């Protein structure tokens, strides 16, 4: 049986979507095929790389990709989850044939201000919030797809 495909989308595919992808792969890789992409792909946020390493997850080699390229390829997504601000969510494409679209609103760590330590602390809070949401997702969608 083919695994349901989950796509996490944020603006740059540099933080929130990368965190969500990494956690769903870590905790439910047998149940889902997991991808992430951005509206305007950028570079992975170094603070995100650091806080994920604290969790034993190395995303430093990950590449960012465009959600619009995936859309053009016509890849079927079972679930598309936006993990960005409401304003950016409105720019996300609708994937034809996608089963479900969810919206999880998280702050963009690229907008964090303060010292390096303060931004790192805020990024840890974001990481933990995404992780908690992933666990809820796994529980909510177990045996539903």
Protein backbone atom coordinates (compact mmCIF):
# COMPACT_ATOMS: atom_id res chain seq x y z
CA UNK A 1 0.00 0.00 0.00
CA UNK A 2 1.27 3.46 -0.90
CA UNK A 3 2.02 5.81 1.97
CA UNK A 4 0.08 9.09 2.19
CA UNK A 5 2.23 12.03 1.06
CA UNK A 6 2.43 15.02 3.44
CA UNK A 7 3.80 18.36 2.28
CA UNK A 8 4.82 21.13 4.70
CA UNK A 9 4.88 24.61 3.18
CA UNK A 10 6.30 27.88 4.50
CA UNK A 11 7.69 31.01 2.87
CA UNK A 12 11.36 30.09 2.38
CA UNK A 13 11.45 26.36 3.28
CA UNK A 14 14.23 27.43 5.62
CA UNK A 15 12.85 26.83 9.11
CA UNK A 16 9.29 25.87 10.05
CA UNK A 17 8.65 23.46 7.18
CA UNK A 18 12.11 21.92 7.61
CA UNK A 19 11.47 21.34 11.33
CA UNK A 20 8.05 19.80 10.67
CA UNK A 21 9.40 17.56 7.90
CA UNK A 22 12.26 16.37 10.09
CA UNK A 23 10.02 15.50 13.03
CA UNK A 24 7.37 13.70 10.98
CA UNK A 25 10.12 11.69 9.29
CA UNK A 26 11.67 10.87 12.66
CA UNK A 27 8.47 9.83 14.41
CA UNK A 28 6.29 8.46 11.59
CA UNK A 29 8.48 7.65 8.58
CA UNK A 30 6.84 4.23 8.25
CA UNK A 31 3.42 5.85 7.90
CA UNK A 32 4.04 8.84 5.61
CA UNK A 33 6.10 10.09 2.71
CA UNK A 34 7.16 13.57 3.87
CA UNK A 35 8.21 16.61 1.85
CA UNK A 36 8.65 20.30 2.50
CA UNK A 37 8.83 23.30 0.20
CA UNK A 38 8.68 27.09 0.16
CA UNK A 39 6.97 29.85 -1.75
CA UNK A 40 10.35 31.55 -2.29
CA UNK A 41 13.02 28.98 -1.33
CA UNK A 42 16.02 30.33 0.54
CA UNK A 43 18.81 28.98 2.70
CA UNK A 44 18.17 26.91 5.81
CA UNK A 45 18.26 29.10 8.90
CA UNK A 46 21.48 28.37 10.90
CA UNK A 47 19.58 28.73 14.20
CA UNK A 48 17.18 26.01 13.07
CA UNK A 49 20.08 23.75 12.14
CA UNK A 50 21.54 24.30 15.62
CA UNK A 51 18.35 23.64 17.60
CA UNK A 52 17.55 20.54 15.56
CA UNK A 53 21.06 19.20 16.24
CA UNK A 54 20.21 19.53 19.94
CA UNK A 55 17.42 17.01 19.21
CA UNK A 56 19.83 14.67 17.43
CA UNK A 57 18.50 15.62 13.98
CA UNK A 58 20.96 16.95 11.40
CA UNK A 59 19.22 18.99 8.69
CA UNK A 60 22.38 20.84 7.63
CA UNK A 61 22.51 18.92 4.34
CA UNK A 62 18.86 19.53 3.44
CA UNK A 63 18.08 21.52 0.32
CA UNK A 64 15.20 23.96 0.01
CA UNK A 65 12.72 23.55 -2.83
CA UNK A 66 9.91 25.44 -4.48
CA UNK A 67 6.32 24.51 -3.79
CA UNK A 68 5.46 25.74 -7.28
CA UNK A 69 7.91 23.27 -8.85
CA UNK A 70 6.20 20.43 -6.98
CA UNK A 71 2.85 21.81 -8.12
CA UNK A 72 4.02 21.88 -11.77
CA UNK A 73 5.18 18.27 -11.47
CA UNK A 74 1.60 17.31 -10.59
CA UNK A 75 2.64 15.31 -7.54
CA UNK A 76 -0.42 14.21 -5.56
CA UNK A 77 -0.37 15.30 -1.93
CA UNK A 78 -2.59 13.57 0.60
CA UNK A 79 -2.18 16.44 3.06
CA UNK A 80 -0.73 19.93 2.54
CA UNK A 81 0.12 21.74 5.77
CA UNK A 82 1.09 25.40 5.75
CA UNK A 83 3.27 26.33 8.72
CA UNK A 84 3.54 30.05 8.11
CA UNK A 85 1.74 33.27 8.95
CA UNK A 86 -1.82 33.76 7.70
CA UNK A 87 -0.67 36.28 5.07
CA UNK A 88 1.71 33.80 3.45
CA UNK A 89 -0.83 30.99 3.66
CA UNK A 90 -3.03 32.85 1.18
CA UNK A 91 -0.28 32.61 -1.47
CA UNK A 92 0.01 28.83 -1.25
CA UNK A 93 -1.19 26.94 -4.31
CA UNK A 94 -4.00 24.43 -4.16
CA UNK A 95 -2.73 21.02 -5.18
CA UNK A 96 -5.20 19.32 -7.52
CA UNK A 97 -6.40 16.07 -6.01
CA UNK A 98 -4.98 16.84 -2.59
CA UNK A 99 -6.97 15.22 0.14
CA UNK A 100 -6.69 17.74 2.93
CA UNK A 101 -5.25 21.18 3.60
CA UNK A 102 -4.29 22.23 7.14
CA UNK A 103 -2.92 25.51 8.44
CA UNK A 104 -0.58 25.69 11.42
CA UNK A 105 0.45 29.25 12.19
CA UNK A 106 3.99 29.71 13.48
CA UNK A 107 6.19 32.80 13.66
CA UNK A 108 9.03 33.12 11.19
CA UNK A 109 12.34 32.80 13.06
CA UNK A 110 13.98 35.00 10.42
CA UNK A 111 12.02 37.85 12.02
CA UNK A 112 13.30 37.20 15.55
CA UNK A 113 15.21 40.08 17.10
CA UNK A 114 17.65 40.32 19.98
CA UNK A 115 21.02 38.84 20.74
CA UNK A 116 22.12 35.54 19.27
CA UNK A 117 21.22 33.78 22.53
CA UNK A 118 17.78 35.41 22.60
CA UNK A 119 17.06 34.40 19.01
CA UNK A 120 18.30 30.88 19.74
CA UNK A 121 15.96 30.64 22.74
CA UNK A 122 13.00 31.79 20.60
CA UNK A 123 13.95 29.24 17.93
CA UNK A 124 13.92 26.48 20.57
CA UNK A 125 10.41 27.54 21.58
CA UNK A 126 9.35 27.36 17.92
CA UNK A 127 10.99 23.94 17.51
CA UNK A 128 9.19 22.59 20.56
CA UNK A 129 5.83 24.00 19.40
CA UNK A 130 6.24 22.36 15.99
CA UNK A 131 7.25 19.06 17.62
CA UNK A 132 4.16 19.16 19.83
CA UNK A 133 1.97 19.81 16.79
CA UNK A 134 3.57 16.89 14.95
CA UNK A 135 2.75 14.55 17.82
CA UNK A 136 -0.86 15.79 17.78
CA UNK A 137 -0.99 15.27 14.00
CA UNK A 138 0.33 11.71 14.33
CA UNK A 139 -2.33 10.92 16.96
CA UNK A 140 -5.15 12.62 15.04
CA UNK A 141 -4.41 11.01 11.69
CA UNK A 142 -3.48 7.52 12.82
CA UNK A 143 -5.51 5.12 10.65
CA UNK A 144 -7.51 7.96 9.02
CA UNK A 145 -5.78 8.08 5.64
